[in-house]
C-alpha cells in the first residue's frame, strides 16, 4: 500500500508542477494558434488588445487609435520601456495589427510581441 501512495504522490506533484496557470483576460478574444509560440509570461508589459470589430484596448481599457498613439508616445519617453504585447482576435483584419506594430516602431518601442495560443 505504501508504494502505491508514493507513486500517487509523485504523479500529483508532477501534474501540479507542469500545469500551466494562464493570465485570463477580461476580453473575449480568440487567439490564433501558432505551433512555435513560446511563453509570454513577462513583467513590465503593456497589453494592447484588438477585438474582432477592430476596437483597441490597452490593459483592458478601450482606446481610440489617436489615444493609443498618444499612449505609445508617452511610453516611449519612459526610462525603462515596457514590452508591448499585442493580443488580437484571430479574425481581426491584418491592417489593425500592422497599425499597432507600426505605432510601436514609430515611437521607438522595438520590443513588441504577438500573443498566440
N, C-alpha and C. Protein backbone atom coordinates (compact mmCIF):
# COMPACT_ATOMS: atom_id res chain seq x y z
N UNK A 1 0.82 -1.20 0.00
CA UNK A 1 0.00 0.00 0.00
C UNK A 1 0.86 1.27 0.00
N UNK A 2 1.97 1.25 0.72
CA UNK A 2 2.84 2.41 0.81
C UNK A 2 3.45 2.75 -0.56
N UNK A 3 3.93 1.76 -1.36
CA UNK A 3 4.45 2.13 -2.68
C UNK A 3 3.39 2.77 -3.59
N UNK A 4 2.15 2.33 -3.47
CA UNK A 4 1.08 2.92 -4.26
C UNK A 4 0.86 4.38 -3.88
N UNK A 5 0.90 4.67 -2.61
CA UNK A 5 0.74 6.06 -2.14
C UNK A 5 1.92 6.91 -2.62
N UNK A 6 3.13 6.34 -2.59
CA UNK A 6 4.30 7.07 -3.07
C UNK A 6 4.17 7.41 -4.56
N UNK A 7 3.73 6.45 -5.34
CA UNK A 7 3.57 6.68 -6.78
C UNK A 7 2.49 7.73 -7.03
N UNK A 8 1.38 7.67 -6.30
CA UNK A 8 0.32 8.65 -6.47
C UNK A 8 0.78 10.06 -6.07
N UNK A 9 1.56 10.17 -5.02
CA UNK A 9 2.07 11.47 -4.60
C UNK A 9 3.00 12.06 -5.67
N UNK A 10 3.84 11.22 -6.25
CA UNK A 10 4.75 11.68 -7.30
C UNK A 10 3.94 12.16 -8.51
N UNK A 11 2.90 11.43 -8.87
CA UNK A 11 2.07 11.84 -10.00
C UNK A 11 1.34 13.15 -9.73
N UNK A 12 0.82 13.30 -8.54
CA UNK A 12 0.11 14.54 -8.18
C UNK A 12 1.06 15.73 -8.22
N UNK A 13 2.25 15.56 -7.67
CA UNK A 13 3.24 16.64 -7.68
C UNK A 13 3.65 16.97 -9.11
N UNK A 14 3.85 15.93 -9.92
CA UNK A 14 4.22 16.14 -11.33
C UNK A 14 3.16 16.96 -12.06
N UNK A 15 1.89 16.60 -11.90
CA UNK A 15 0.84 17.33 -12.59
C UNK A 15 0.69 18.76 -12.08
N UNK A 16 0.89 18.97 -10.79
CA UNK A 16 0.81 20.34 -10.26
C UNK A 16 1.94 21.21 -10.76
N UNK A 17 3.13 20.63 -10.88
CA UNK A 17 4.28 21.41 -11.33
C UNK A 17 4.18 21.72 -12.82
N UNK A 18 3.69 20.80 -13.62
CA UNK A 18 3.64 21.01 -15.07
C UNK A 18 2.39 21.72 -15.54
N UNK A 19 1.43 21.95 -14.68
CA UNK A 19 0.18 22.61 -15.06
C UNK A 19 0.46 24.08 -15.38
N UNK A 20 -0.13 24.57 -16.42
CA UNK A 20 0.05 25.97 -16.81
C UNK A 20 -1.10 26.80 -16.26
N UNK A 21 -0.75 27.82 -15.50
CA UNK A 21 -1.74 28.75 -15.00
C UNK A 21 -1.66 29.98 -15.88
N UNK A 22 -2.71 30.30 -16.56
CA UNK A 22 -2.71 31.40 -17.52
C UNK A 22 -3.37 32.63 -16.93
N UNK A 23 -2.87 33.74 -17.39
CA UNK A 23 -3.45 35.02 -17.02
C UNK A 23 -4.65 35.26 -17.94
N UNK A 24 -5.84 35.10 -17.42
CA UNK A 24 -7.04 35.22 -18.25
C UNK A 24 -7.40 36.68 -18.42
N UNK A 25 -7.64 37.07 -19.63
CA UNK A 25 -8.01 38.45 -19.94
C UNK A 25 -9.53 38.58 -19.85
N UNK A 26 -9.99 39.77 -19.58
CA UNK A 26 -11.42 40.00 -19.46
C UNK A 26 -12.09 40.10 -20.83
N UNK A 27 -11.31 40.34 -21.87
CA UNK A 27 -11.89 40.49 -23.19
C UNK A 27 -12.13 39.13 -23.82
N UNK A 28 -13.15 39.06 -24.65
CA UNK A 28 -13.48 37.80 -25.33
C UNK A 28 -12.76 37.78 -26.67
N UNK A 29 -11.48 37.39 -26.65
CA UNK A 29 -10.66 37.35 -27.85
C UNK A 29 -10.17 35.93 -28.05
N UNK A 30 -10.39 35.39 -29.23
CA UNK A 30 -9.92 34.05 -29.57
C UNK A 30 -8.60 34.21 -30.33
N UNK A 31 -7.52 33.79 -29.69
CA UNK A 31 -6.20 33.97 -30.27
C UNK A 31 -5.93 32.96 -31.37
N UNK A 32 -5.16 33.37 -32.37
CA UNK A 32 -4.78 32.40 -33.40
C UNK A 32 -3.78 31.41 -32.85
N UNK A 33 -3.76 30.22 -33.42
CA UNK A 33 -2.86 29.17 -32.94
C UNK A 33 -1.55 29.22 -33.72
N UNK A 34 -0.44 29.22 -32.99
CA UNK A 34 0.89 29.18 -33.58
C UNK A 34 1.62 28.02 -32.92
N UNK A 35 2.09 27.08 -33.72
CA UNK A 35 2.75 25.90 -33.16
C UNK A 35 4.09 26.22 -32.52
N UNK A 36 4.77 27.23 -32.99
CA UNK A 36 6.09 27.55 -32.46
C UNK A 36 6.05 28.66 -31.41
N UNK A 37 4.87 28.96 -30.89
CA UNK A 37 4.73 30.06 -29.93
C UNK A 37 5.39 29.70 -28.61
N UNK A 38 6.07 30.67 -28.02
CA UNK A 38 6.70 30.48 -26.73
C UNK A 38 5.84 31.08 -25.63
N UNK A 39 6.39 31.12 -24.45
CA UNK A 39 5.66 31.66 -23.31
C UNK A 39 5.73 33.18 -23.33
N UNK A 40 4.64 33.83 -23.00
CA UNK A 40 4.60 35.29 -22.93
C UNK A 40 4.37 35.77 -21.51
N UNK A 41 4.85 35.02 -20.54
CA UNK A 41 4.73 35.44 -19.15
C UNK A 41 5.90 36.36 -18.84
N UNK A 42 5.68 37.66 -18.99
CA UNK A 42 6.74 38.63 -18.83
C UNK A 42 6.26 39.73 -17.89
N UNK A 43 7.21 40.43 -17.30
CA UNK A 43 6.86 41.57 -16.46
C UNK A 43 7.17 42.85 -17.24
N UNK A 44 6.71 43.97 -16.73
CA UNK A 44 6.88 45.27 -17.37
C UNK A 44 6.34 45.23 -18.80
N UNK A 45 5.06 44.92 -18.90
CA UNK A 45 4.44 44.80 -20.20
C UNK A 45 3.23 45.72 -20.31
N UNK A 46 2.95 46.11 -21.53
CA UNK A 46 1.75 46.86 -21.86
C UNK A 46 0.97 45.99 -22.82
N UNK A 47 -0.23 45.59 -22.44
CA UNK A 47 -1.03 44.68 -23.25
C UNK A 47 -1.98 45.49 -24.12
N UNK A 48 -1.82 45.36 -25.43
CA UNK A 48 -2.69 46.04 -26.40
C UNK A 48 -3.53 44.96 -27.07
N UNK A 49 -4.84 45.02 -26.86
CA UNK A 49 -5.75 44.03 -27.42
C UNK A 49 -6.54 44.64 -28.57
N UNK A 50 -6.86 43.79 -29.54
CA UNK A 50 -7.66 44.22 -30.68
C UNK A 50 -8.83 43.25 -30.82
N UNK A 51 -10.05 43.77 -30.78
CA UNK A 51 -11.24 42.91 -30.87
C UNK A 51 -11.56 42.61 -32.33
N UNK A 52 -12.53 41.73 -32.55
CA UNK A 52 -12.95 41.38 -33.91
C UNK A 52 -13.40 42.60 -34.70
N UNK A 53 -14.04 43.52 -34.00
CA UNK A 53 -14.58 44.72 -34.65
C UNK A 53 -13.50 45.76 -34.95
N UNK A 54 -12.27 45.52 -34.50
CA UNK A 54 -11.19 46.47 -34.74
C UNK A 54 -11.03 47.50 -33.64
N UNK A 55 -11.65 47.27 -32.49
CA UNK A 55 -11.52 48.19 -31.36
C UNK A 55 -10.21 47.90 -30.63
N UNK A 56 -9.53 48.96 -30.18
CA UNK A 56 -8.27 48.83 -29.47
C UNK A 56 -8.49 48.95 -27.97
N UNK A 57 -7.73 48.18 -27.21
CA UNK A 57 -7.78 48.20 -25.75
C UNK A 57 -6.35 48.19 -25.24
N UNK A 58 -6.08 49.01 -24.23
CA UNK A 58 -4.78 48.99 -23.56
C UNK A 58 -5.02 48.60 -22.12
N UNK A 59 -4.51 47.44 -21.75
CA UNK A 59 -4.76 46.87 -20.41
C UNK A 59 -6.25 46.84 -20.11
N UNK A 60 -7.03 46.35 -21.06
CA UNK A 60 -8.48 46.13 -20.98
C UNK A 60 -9.30 47.42 -20.92
N UNK A 61 -8.68 48.57 -21.23
CA UNK A 61 -9.42 49.84 -21.28
C UNK A 61 -9.55 50.25 -22.74
N UNK A 62 -10.77 50.55 -23.20
CA UNK A 62 -10.96 50.91 -24.61
C UNK A 62 -10.29 52.23 -24.96
N UNK A 63 -9.64 52.24 -26.14
CA UNK A 63 -8.95 53.43 -26.63
C UNK A 63 -9.21 53.60 -28.12
N UNK A 64 -9.19 54.83 -28.56
CA UNK A 64 -9.23 55.09 -30.00
C UNK A 64 -7.79 55.00 -30.52
N UNK A 65 -7.63 55.00 -31.82
CA UNK A 65 -6.29 54.93 -32.41
C UNK A 65 -5.47 56.17 -32.04
N UNK A 66 -6.11 57.32 -31.93
CA UNK A 66 -5.40 58.54 -31.56
C UNK A 66 -4.90 58.47 -30.12
N UNK A 67 -5.74 57.95 -29.22
CA UNK A 67 -5.32 57.81 -27.82
C UNK A 67 -4.24 56.76 -27.67
N UNK A 68 -4.30 55.72 -28.49
CA UNK A 68 -3.26 54.69 -28.46
C UNK A 68 -1.93 55.28 -28.95
N UNK A 69 -2.00 56.14 -29.95
CA UNK A 69 -0.80 56.83 -30.43
C UNK A 69 -0.20 57.70 -29.33
N UNK A 70 -1.05 58.43 -28.62
CA UNK A 70 -0.58 59.28 -27.52
C UNK A 70 0.01 58.43 -26.39
N UNK A 71 -0.60 57.28 -26.13
CA UNK A 71 -0.08 56.39 -25.09
C UNK A 71 1.30 55.87 -25.46
N UNK A 72 1.49 55.48 -26.71
CA UNK A 72 2.79 54.99 -27.16
C UNK A 72 3.84 56.10 -27.12
N UNK A 73 3.44 57.33 -27.46
CA UNK A 73 4.38 58.45 -27.40
C UNK A 73 4.82 58.70 -25.96
N UNK A 74 3.86 58.63 -25.02
CA UNK A 74 4.21 58.83 -23.61
C UNK A 74 5.06 57.67 -23.09
N UNK A 75 4.76 56.46 -23.54
CA UNK A 75 5.50 55.28 -23.10
C UNK A 75 6.94 55.32 -23.61
N UNK A 76 7.14 55.87 -24.79
CA UNK A 76 8.49 55.90 -25.37
C UNK A 76 9.44 56.81 -24.60
N UNK A 77 8.91 57.72 -23.78
CA UNK A 77 9.77 58.61 -23.01
C UNK A 77 10.17 58.03 -21.66
N UNK A 78 9.63 56.87 -21.31
CA UNK A 78 9.98 56.26 -20.03
C UNK A 78 11.42 55.77 -20.05
N UNK A 79 12.10 55.79 -18.89
CA UNK A 79 13.48 55.31 -18.87
C UNK A 79 13.59 53.81 -19.16
N UNK A 80 12.66 53.02 -18.63
CA UNK A 80 12.64 51.58 -18.92
C UNK A 80 11.38 51.31 -19.73
N UNK A 81 11.57 51.12 -21.01
CA UNK A 81 10.43 50.94 -21.91
C UNK A 81 9.81 49.57 -21.70
N UNK A 82 8.48 49.51 -21.62
CA UNK A 82 7.83 48.21 -21.42
C UNK A 82 7.80 47.39 -22.72
N UNK A 83 7.57 46.11 -22.55
CA UNK A 83 7.37 45.23 -23.69
C UNK A 83 5.91 45.35 -24.09
N UNK A 84 5.65 45.55 -25.37
CA UNK A 84 4.29 45.67 -25.88
C UNK A 84 3.82 44.28 -26.31
N UNK A 85 2.75 43.82 -25.70
CA UNK A 85 2.18 42.51 -26.02
C UNK A 85 0.90 42.76 -26.81
N UNK A 86 0.90 42.41 -28.09
CA UNK A 86 -0.24 42.63 -28.98
C UNK A 86 -1.09 41.37 -28.97
N UNK A 87 -2.33 41.50 -28.49
CA UNK A 87 -3.26 40.39 -28.41
C UNK A 87 -4.42 40.70 -29.35
N UNK A 88 -4.49 39.95 -30.46
CA UNK A 88 -5.52 40.22 -31.46
C UNK A 88 -6.34 38.95 -31.69
N UNK A 89 -7.63 39.14 -31.89
CA UNK A 89 -8.51 38.03 -32.23
C UNK A 89 -8.06 37.45 -33.57
N UNK A 90 -8.27 36.15 -33.76
CA UNK A 90 -7.80 35.53 -34.99
C UNK A 90 -8.56 36.01 -36.23
N UNK A 91 -9.71 36.65 -36.06
CA UNK A 91 -10.49 37.14 -37.19
C UNK A 91 -10.27 38.63 -37.46
N UNK A 92 -9.34 39.25 -36.74
CA UNK A 92 -9.06 40.67 -36.93
C UNK A 92 -8.34 40.87 -38.26
N UNK A 93 -8.76 41.87 -39.04
CA UNK A 93 -8.03 42.16 -40.28
C UNK A 93 -6.58 42.53 -39.97
N UNK A 94 -5.70 42.14 -40.85
CA UNK A 94 -4.27 42.36 -40.65
C UNK A 94 -3.92 43.84 -40.54
N UNK A 95 -4.73 44.71 -41.14
CA UNK A 95 -4.41 46.14 -41.10
C UNK A 95 -4.42 46.69 -39.68
N UNK A 96 -5.27 46.16 -38.81
CA UNK A 96 -5.31 46.65 -37.42
C UNK A 96 -4.05 46.23 -36.66
N UNK A 97 -3.60 45.03 -36.89
CA UNK A 97 -2.38 44.55 -36.23
C UNK A 97 -1.18 45.33 -36.74
N UNK A 98 -1.12 45.57 -38.04
CA UNK A 98 0.02 46.31 -38.58
C UNK A 98 0.01 47.77 -38.14
N UNK A 99 -1.17 48.33 -37.87
CA UNK A 99 -1.23 49.70 -37.32
C UNK A 99 -0.55 49.76 -35.96
N UNK A 100 -0.82 48.77 -35.12
CA UNK A 100 -0.22 48.75 -33.78
C UNK A 100 1.29 48.53 -33.89
N UNK A 101 1.71 47.61 -34.75
CA UNK A 101 3.14 47.34 -34.93
C UNK A 101 3.84 48.59 -35.47
N UNK A 102 3.20 49.27 -36.41
CA UNK A 102 3.77 50.48 -36.97
C UNK A 102 3.89 51.58 -35.92
N UNK A 103 2.87 51.70 -35.07
CA UNK A 103 2.94 52.69 -33.98
C UNK A 103 4.09 52.37 -33.02
N UNK A 104 4.27 51.10 -32.74
CA UNK A 104 5.39 50.70 -31.87
C UNK A 104 6.72 51.13 -32.46
N UNK A 105 6.91 50.84 -33.72
CA UNK A 105 8.19 51.16 -34.37
C UNK A 105 8.41 52.66 -34.49
N UNK A 106 7.36 53.41 -34.81
CA UNK A 106 7.49 54.86 -34.95
C UNK A 106 7.89 55.52 -33.64
N UNK A 107 7.46 54.93 -32.52
CA UNK A 107 7.74 55.51 -31.21
C UNK A 107 8.94 54.88 -30.52
N UNK A 108 9.70 54.08 -31.24
CA UNK A 108 10.92 53.51 -30.67
C UNK A 108 10.67 52.36 -29.70
N UNK A 109 9.49 51.78 -29.73
CA UNK A 109 9.18 50.64 -28.88
C UNK A 109 9.44 49.37 -29.68
N UNK A 110 10.70 48.99 -29.77
CA UNK A 110 11.09 47.89 -30.65
C UNK A 110 10.81 46.51 -30.06
N UNK A 111 10.59 46.44 -28.76
CA UNK A 111 10.35 45.14 -28.12
C UNK A 111 8.85 44.92 -28.00
N UNK A 112 8.27 44.34 -29.05
CA UNK A 112 6.85 44.01 -29.02
C UNK A 112 6.70 42.56 -29.43
N UNK A 113 5.62 41.95 -28.94
CA UNK A 113 5.37 40.53 -29.21
C UNK A 113 3.91 40.32 -29.58
N UNK A 114 3.69 39.31 -30.39
CA UNK A 114 2.33 38.95 -30.78
C UNK A 114 1.90 37.74 -29.95
N UNK A 115 0.80 37.85 -29.27
CA UNK A 115 0.28 36.77 -28.40
C UNK A 115 -0.45 35.75 -29.25
N UNK A 116 -0.21 34.48 -28.98
CA UNK A 116 -0.91 33.37 -29.64
C UNK A 116 -1.25 32.32 -28.58
N UNK A 117 -2.04 31.35 -28.97
CA UNK A 117 -2.35 30.30 -28.02
C UNK A 117 -1.57 29.04 -28.34
